[in-house]
Protein backbone atom coordinates (compact mmCIF):
# COMPACT_ATOMS: atom_id res chain seq x y z
CA MET A 1 14.47 -15.12 -9.97
CA LYS A 2 13.16 -17.98 -7.87
CA THR A 3 9.97 -19.61 -9.20
CA SER A 4 7.54 -21.64 -7.08
CA ASP A 5 4.59 -23.73 -8.23
CA LEU A 6 1.61 -23.63 -5.87
CA PRO A 7 -0.48 -26.78 -6.51
CA PHE A 8 -2.70 -26.81 -3.41
CA SER A 9 -5.58 -24.47 -2.65
CA VAL A 10 -8.28 -23.75 -0.09
CA SER A 11 -11.24 -21.39 -0.44
CA PHE A 12 -13.05 -19.22 2.08
CA LYS A 13 -15.63 -16.45 2.15
CA LEU A 14 -15.15 -13.09 3.86
CA ARG A 15 -17.90 -10.92 5.26
CA THR A 16 -17.50 -7.17 4.79
CA THR A 17 -18.85 -4.09 6.51
CA SER A 18 -20.75 -1.69 4.24
CA PRO A 19 -20.02 0.18 2.12
CA TYR A 20 -17.35 -1.99 0.49
CA SER A 21 -16.29 -1.64 -3.15
CA PHE A 22 -14.10 -4.61 -4.03
CA ALA A 23 -12.98 -3.21 -7.39
CA LEU A 24 -11.97 0.19 -6.01
CA THR A 25 -10.26 -1.41 -3.01
CA VAL A 26 -8.03 -3.91 -4.81
CA HIS A 27 -7.54 -2.04 -8.10
CA LYS A 28 -7.42 1.64 -7.27
CA PRO A 29 -8.09 4.28 -9.97
CA ALA A 30 -4.56 5.71 -9.71
CA GLY A 31 -3.12 2.28 -10.54
CA TRP A 32 -2.04 1.36 -7.01
CA SER A 33 -1.65 -2.39 -6.63
CA LEU A 34 -2.86 -4.37 -3.64
CA LEU A 35 0.33 -6.36 -2.96
CA THR A 36 2.58 -6.37 -6.05
CA PRO A 37 2.78 -4.31 -9.27
CA TYR A 38 2.65 -7.56 -11.25
CA GLU A 39 -0.72 -8.80 -10.01
CA VAL A 40 -3.53 -9.32 -12.54
CA PHE A 41 -7.04 -7.81 -12.35
CA GLU A 42 -9.50 -9.15 -14.91
CA ASP A 43 -13.31 -9.42 -14.91
CA ASP A 44 -13.53 -8.22 -11.30
CA THR A 45 -11.12 -10.93 -10.16
CA LEU A 46 -7.65 -10.30 -8.70
CA TRP A 47 -4.72 -12.72 -8.90
CA THR A 48 -1.90 -11.66 -6.62
CA ALA A 49 0.79 -13.05 -4.31
CA ALA A 50 1.77 -12.60 -0.69
CA ARG A 51 4.56 -13.53 1.67
CA PHE A 52 3.11 -14.26 5.09
CA SER A 53 4.88 -14.39 8.45
CA SER A 54 6.44 -17.80 7.82
CA GLY A 55 8.18 -16.42 4.74
CA GLU A 56 6.32 -18.88 2.52
CA MET A 57 4.86 -17.51 -0.71
CA HIS A 58 1.14 -17.86 -1.39
CA GLY A 59 -1.02 -17.13 -4.40
CA LEU A 60 -4.37 -15.41 -4.00
CA LYS A 61 -7.37 -15.41 -6.32
CA ILE A 62 -9.95 -12.98 -4.97
CA THR A 63 -13.35 -12.01 -6.33
CA SER A 64 -16.54 -10.44 -5.01
CA SER A 65 -20.31 -10.42 -5.37
CA GLY A 66 -19.95 -6.96 -6.89
CA LYS A 67 -22.41 -5.35 -4.47
CA VAL A 68 -21.21 -2.32 -2.52
CA ASN A 69 -23.79 -2.22 0.27
CA ASP A 70 -23.87 -5.99 0.79
CA ALA A 71 -20.53 -7.26 -0.50
CA SER A 72 -19.03 -10.67 0.07
CA VAL A 73 -15.51 -11.63 -0.95
CA ILE A 74 -14.44 -15.09 -2.08
CA CYS A 75 -10.76 -15.97 -1.77
CA GLU A 76 -8.92 -19.02 -3.09
CA LEU A 77 -5.50 -19.32 -1.49
CA PHE A 78 -2.75 -21.36 -3.18
CA SER A 79 0.29 -22.87 -1.46
CA GLN A 80 3.08 -25.42 -1.88
CA GLU A 81 1.62 -27.59 0.86
CA ARG A 82 -2.01 -28.11 1.82
CA PRO A 83 -2.77 -26.06 4.97
CA ASN A 84 -4.59 -27.68 7.90
CA THR A 85 -7.78 -26.25 9.40
CA ASN A 86 -6.02 -24.02 11.94
CA GLU A 87 -3.62 -22.64 9.34
CA THR A 88 -6.47 -21.96 6.94
CA GLU A 89 -8.32 -19.98 9.60
CA ARG A 90 -5.17 -17.99 10.41
CA LEU A 91 -4.69 -17.15 6.74
CA ARG A 92 -8.37 -16.24 6.34
CA GLN A 93 -8.05 -13.73 9.17
CA ILE A 94 -4.91 -12.24 7.63
CA VAL A 95 -6.55 -11.80 4.22
CA ALA A 96 -9.63 -10.18 5.80
CA TRP A 97 -7.33 -7.79 7.66
CA MET A 98 -5.31 -6.97 4.50
CA LEU A 99 -8.51 -6.17 2.59
CA SER A 100 -9.91 -4.11 5.51
CA ALA A 101 -13.05 -6.22 5.12
CA GLN A 102 -14.33 -5.58 8.65
CA GLU A 103 -13.10 -2.01 9.10
CA ASN A 104 -15.78 0.47 10.16
CA ILE A 105 -15.42 3.48 7.87
CA ARG A 106 -18.80 5.01 8.72
CA PRO A 107 -17.13 7.79 10.78
CA PHE A 108 -15.10 8.77 7.70
CA TYR A 109 -18.23 8.93 5.60
CA ALA A 110 -19.92 10.98 8.32
CA LEU A 111 -17.30 13.68 7.69
CA ALA A 112 -18.91 14.25 4.29
CA GLU A 113 -21.88 15.86 6.03
CA ARG A 114 -19.72 18.82 7.09
CA ASP A 115 -16.68 18.74 4.79
CA SER A 116 -17.07 19.62 1.10
CA LEU A 117 -13.86 17.86 0.02
CA VAL A 118 -14.75 14.61 1.79
CA LYS A 119 -18.25 14.83 0.34
CA ALA A 120 -16.79 14.93 -3.17
CA LEU A 121 -14.39 12.08 -2.42
CA VAL A 122 -16.98 9.66 -1.05
CA HIS A 123 -19.30 10.46 -3.96
CA ASP A 124 -16.61 9.55 -6.47
CA LEU A 125 -15.03 6.58 -4.68
CA PHE A 126 -17.89 5.18 -2.63
CA GLY A 127 -16.83 2.08 -0.71
CA MET A 128 -13.08 2.22 -1.41
CA ARG A 129 -10.88 0.99 1.45
CA ARG A 130 -7.27 1.52 2.40
CA THR A 131 -5.50 -1.84 2.42
CA LYS A 132 -2.58 -3.37 4.33
CA ARG A 133 0.18 -5.93 3.92
CA LEU A 134 1.69 -8.26 6.50
CA ASP A 135 5.10 -8.13 4.81
CA ILE A 136 6.78 -4.86 5.91
CA PHE A 137 9.79 -5.05 3.56
CA PRO A 138 7.95 -4.09 0.32
CA GLN A 139 6.58 -1.04 2.13
CA LEU A 140 10.12 -0.07 3.13
CA ILE A 141 11.33 -0.57 -0.46
CA LEU A 142 8.57 1.80 -1.56
CA ALA A 143 9.56 4.34 1.09
CA VAL A 144 13.23 4.28 0.05
CA THR A 145 12.67 4.41 -3.71
CA LEU A 146 10.24 7.33 -3.44
CA GLN A 147 12.89 9.50 -1.81
CA MET A 148 13.98 12.48 -3.91
CA ALA A 149 12.77 10.94 -7.17
CA PRO A 150 9.98 11.51 -9.73
CA ILE A 151 7.51 8.65 -10.01
CA GLU A 152 9.07 7.35 -13.24
CA ARG A 153 12.44 7.02 -11.52
CA SER A 154 10.89 5.30 -8.49
CA ASP A 155 9.03 2.88 -10.75
CA GLN A 156 12.29 2.05 -12.53
CA MET A 157 14.05 1.16 -9.28
CA MET A 158 11.17 -0.95 -7.97
CA THR A 159 10.77 -2.78 -11.27
CA LEU A 160 14.47 -3.65 -11.40
CA LEU A 161 14.46 -4.86 -7.79
CA ILE A 162 11.56 -7.22 -8.46
CA GLU A 163 12.90 -8.45 -11.80
CA GLN A 164 16.43 -9.02 -10.47
CA TYR A 165 15.75 -10.34 -6.97
CA GLY A 166 12.03 -11.00 -6.57
CA GLU A 167 10.09 -14.26 -6.53
CA LYS A 168 7.67 -15.69 -9.06
CA VAL A 169 4.72 -17.93 -8.19
CA THR A 170 2.58 -19.90 -10.63
CA PHE A 171 -1.00 -20.88 -9.82
CA ASP A 172 -4.40 -21.03 -11.49
CA GLY A 173 -2.77 -20.49 -14.89
CA LYS A 174 -1.13 -17.21 -13.80
CA GLU A 175 2.46 -16.13 -13.16
CA ILE A 176 2.83 -13.41 -10.55
CA MET A 177 6.10 -11.71 -9.59
CA TYR A 178 6.54 -10.54 -6.01
CA TRP A 179 8.96 -8.31 -4.13
CA PRO A 180 12.40 -9.58 -3.02
CA SER A 181 12.76 -10.84 0.52
CA PRO A 182 15.00 -8.99 3.00
CA GLU A 183 17.13 -12.16 3.20
CA LYS A 184 17.79 -11.93 -0.55
CA ILE A 185 18.70 -8.23 -0.55
CA ALA A 186 20.89 -8.61 2.54
CA LYS A 187 23.13 -11.01 0.57
CA VAL A 188 23.59 -8.62 -2.37
CA SER A 189 26.49 -6.16 -2.40
CA VAL A 190 25.89 -2.41 -2.42
CA THR A 191 27.78 -2.16 -5.72
CA GLU A 192 25.53 -4.75 -7.34
CA LEU A 193 22.38 -3.01 -6.11
CA LYS A 194 23.61 0.27 -7.56
CA GLU A 195 24.51 -1.26 -10.91
CA ARG A 196 21.58 -3.62 -11.43
CA CYS A 197 18.79 -1.61 -9.83
CA LYS A 198 19.95 2.00 -10.37
CA LEU A 199 19.51 2.76 -6.66
CA GLY A 200 22.31 5.30 -6.34
CA TYR A 201 22.74 6.61 -2.78
CA ARG A 202 19.75 4.47 -1.68
CA ALA A 203 21.63 1.17 -2.16
CA PRO A 204 23.45 1.08 1.22
CA PHE A 205 20.26 2.20 2.97
CA LEU A 206 18.18 -0.59 1.43
CA LYS A 207 20.81 -3.23 2.16
CA GLY A 208 21.05 -2.04 5.76
CA ILE A 209 17.27 -2.06 6.13
CA ALA A 210 17.16 -5.61 4.73
CA GLU A 211 19.77 -6.76 7.23
CA ASP A 212 17.85 -5.21 10.13
CA VAL A 213 14.43 -6.48 9.03
CA ARG A 214 15.55 -10.07 8.45
CA MET A 215 16.97 -10.30 11.97
CA GLU A 216 14.22 -8.96 14.20
CA PHE A 217 11.75 -6.26 13.25
CA PRO A 218 8.00 -5.84 13.83
CA THR A 219 5.63 -6.94 11.09
CA PHE A 220 3.22 -4.41 9.62
CA ARG A 221 0.51 -5.83 11.88
CA GLU A 222 2.72 -5.54 14.96
CA LEU A 223 3.51 -1.93 14.10
CA GLU A 224 -0.22 -1.31 13.78
CA ALA A 225 -0.71 -2.57 17.36
CA MET A 226 1.73 0.09 18.63
CA SER A 227 0.82 3.72 19.10
CA ALA A 228 1.36 5.85 16.00
CA GLU A 229 4.26 7.61 17.70
CA SER A 230 5.96 4.38 18.78
CA ALA A 231 5.57 2.76 15.37
CA LYS A 232 7.01 5.80 13.61
CA ALA A 233 9.91 5.99 16.05
CA ARG A 234 10.65 2.30 15.49
CA LEU A 235 10.66 2.76 11.72
CA MET A 236 12.95 5.78 12.00
CA GLU A 237 15.52 3.64 13.79
CA LEU A 238 16.23 2.13 10.37
CA LYS A 239 19.02 3.97 8.60
CA GLY A 240 17.66 5.89 5.62
CA ILE A 241 14.09 6.13 7.00
CA GLY A 242 13.25 9.70 7.94
CA ASP A 243 9.96 11.41 8.76
CA TYR A 244 8.52 11.24 5.22
CA SER A 245 9.60 7.64 4.62
CA ALA A 246 8.28 6.53 8.01
CA ASP A 247 4.86 8.01 7.16
CA ILE A 248 4.83 5.95 3.96
CA ALA A 249 5.85 2.71 5.68
CA SER A 250 3.73 3.09 8.80
CA PRO A 251 0.34 1.36 9.11
CA HIS A 252 -0.96 4.37 11.03
CA PRO A 253 -2.78 7.15 9.16
CA GLY A 254 -0.02 9.62 8.53
CA PHE A 255 -0.03 12.32 5.89
CA ALA A 256 3.05 11.55 3.79
CA LEU A 257 3.31 14.76 1.81
CA ASP A 258 6.03 15.39 -0.73
CA VAL A 259 6.37 18.44 -2.99
CA TRP A 260 3.93 17.04 -5.58
CA SER A 261 1.16 16.10 -3.13
CA ALA A 262 1.69 19.32 -1.15
CA ARG A 263 0.92 21.28 -4.32
CA ILE A 264 -2.26 19.25 -4.84
CA PHE A 265 -3.54 19.76 -1.30
CA ASN A 266 -2.68 23.46 -1.31
CA LEU A 267 -4.72 23.89 -4.50
CA LEU A 268 -7.62 21.91 -3.05
CA LEU A 269 -7.62 23.73 0.27
CA PHE A 270 -6.70 27.26 -0.80
CA GLY A 271 -7.32 27.32 -4.55
CA LYS A 272 -3.88 28.55 -5.55
CA GLU A 273 -0.47 27.25 -6.59
CA PRO A 274 2.00 27.51 -3.68
CA LYS A 275 5.25 29.39 -4.21
CA SER A 276 7.22 26.98 -2.02
CA PRO A 277 5.40 23.64 -1.64
CA ARG A 278 8.11 22.05 0.49
CA ALA A 279 7.94 24.87 3.04
CA LEU A 280 4.18 24.37 3.34
CA ILE A 281 4.36 20.68 4.25
CA PRO A 282 4.42 21.14 8.07
CA ARG A 283 1.46 23.54 7.89
CA LEU A 284 -0.57 21.26 5.62
CA LYS A 285 0.07 18.27 7.90
CA LYS A 286 -1.22 20.25 10.89
CA ILE A 287 -4.31 21.31 8.94
CA ALA A 288 -4.98 17.71 7.96
CA GLU A 289 -4.67 16.49 11.52
CA LYS A 290 -7.02 19.19 12.83
CA ARG A 291 -9.57 18.92 10.00
CA TRP A 292 -9.70 15.15 9.48
CA GLY A 293 -8.03 13.67 12.56
CA GLU A 294 -7.61 9.90 12.46
CA TRP A 295 -9.18 9.82 8.97
CA ARG A 296 -6.54 12.02 7.33
CA GLY A 297 -4.87 8.91 5.88
CA TYR A 298 -8.14 8.01 4.18
CA VAL A 299 -8.48 11.55 2.81
CA PHE A 300 -4.92 11.35 1.47
CA THR A 301 -5.59 8.01 -0.26
CA TYR A 302 -8.92 9.14 -1.70
CA VAL A 303 -7.51 12.43 -3.03
CA LEU A 304 -4.60 10.81 -4.86
CA ASN A 305 -7.01 8.32 -6.45
CA ASP A 306 -9.58 10.94 -7.46
CA ILE A 307 -7.49 13.68 -9.08
CA PRO A 308 -9.29 13.78 -12.49
CA ASN A 309 -12.71 14.14 -10.85
CA LEU A 310 -11.49 16.67 -8.30
CA ALA A 311 -9.86 18.76 -11.03
CA ARG A 312 -13.16 18.98 -12.92
CA ARG A 313 -15.32 19.54 -9.85
CA PHE A 314 -13.20 22.28 -8.28
CA LYS A 315 -12.00 23.68 -11.63
CA LEU A 316 -8.35 23.23 -10.71
CA ASN A 317 -5.39 22.30 -12.87
CA LEU A 318 -4.45 19.23 -10.81
CA GLU A 319 -3.75 16.73 -13.58
CA GLU A 320 -0.86 18.77 -15.00
CA LEU A 321 1.08 18.96 -11.72
């Protein structure tokens, strides 16, 4: 694993639209990381790492005022070389975008006035935002490793990929491991990926995706600028990325249901365990689009991060699914 020391740093402050919960946004209740599973969250401060468009690794130390209705976010960004003023401003804008600091989520919260499920979600997770990453390859790794696998199996594959081929950065007294680059994975043989990372049939897909992404492929932000249909179609041009995987990797608010999440939403919407969850996925996706529209991605994120509270509130056996 390559290790980089990041001796230089710059600091900047980000304004946020209200409501904004820093803790819920960067350290979600279900354990979802912001950028890498190996980031550190202590005393309302996050230490993480990012690979920006230049391919250079950066360290990030991010904290907040702690207020939800008037939050400000302070970021210290670490690098191998000191950035100039223009580069600092570019990076500041990227970090604000990743944290969804200026996103207007008031229309989502307005849904709570007429939707009982959304009302429960915003009560429990007030101010939580969906976040983004500029680096598309980790999102594609996630999409591939989630295919046809329980979460423990997916976690095993992702952990091995990072430990075997990822990058480590040191800054502010922390060591943070980050996802492998597509250039790194493209150089590894399919046999080695299978043996070292337990990828099975996914190994040739991931290697092929790495080869395509390293050559010329839209960034996450560029995919966001496309229409949802165009972005999904572009992602599905990658071998091994189907409808479900494209929903996971896309920056647009899809509804990436698998059997497990389909069971959860069927229980929440209809109060009963489905006989065939997989067969219900198309119907549930249509319901989500009609009921929540462009905010269905937010509903999906909130639900999966609020399962214990939802189980108690609606008296459903969600936690044992």
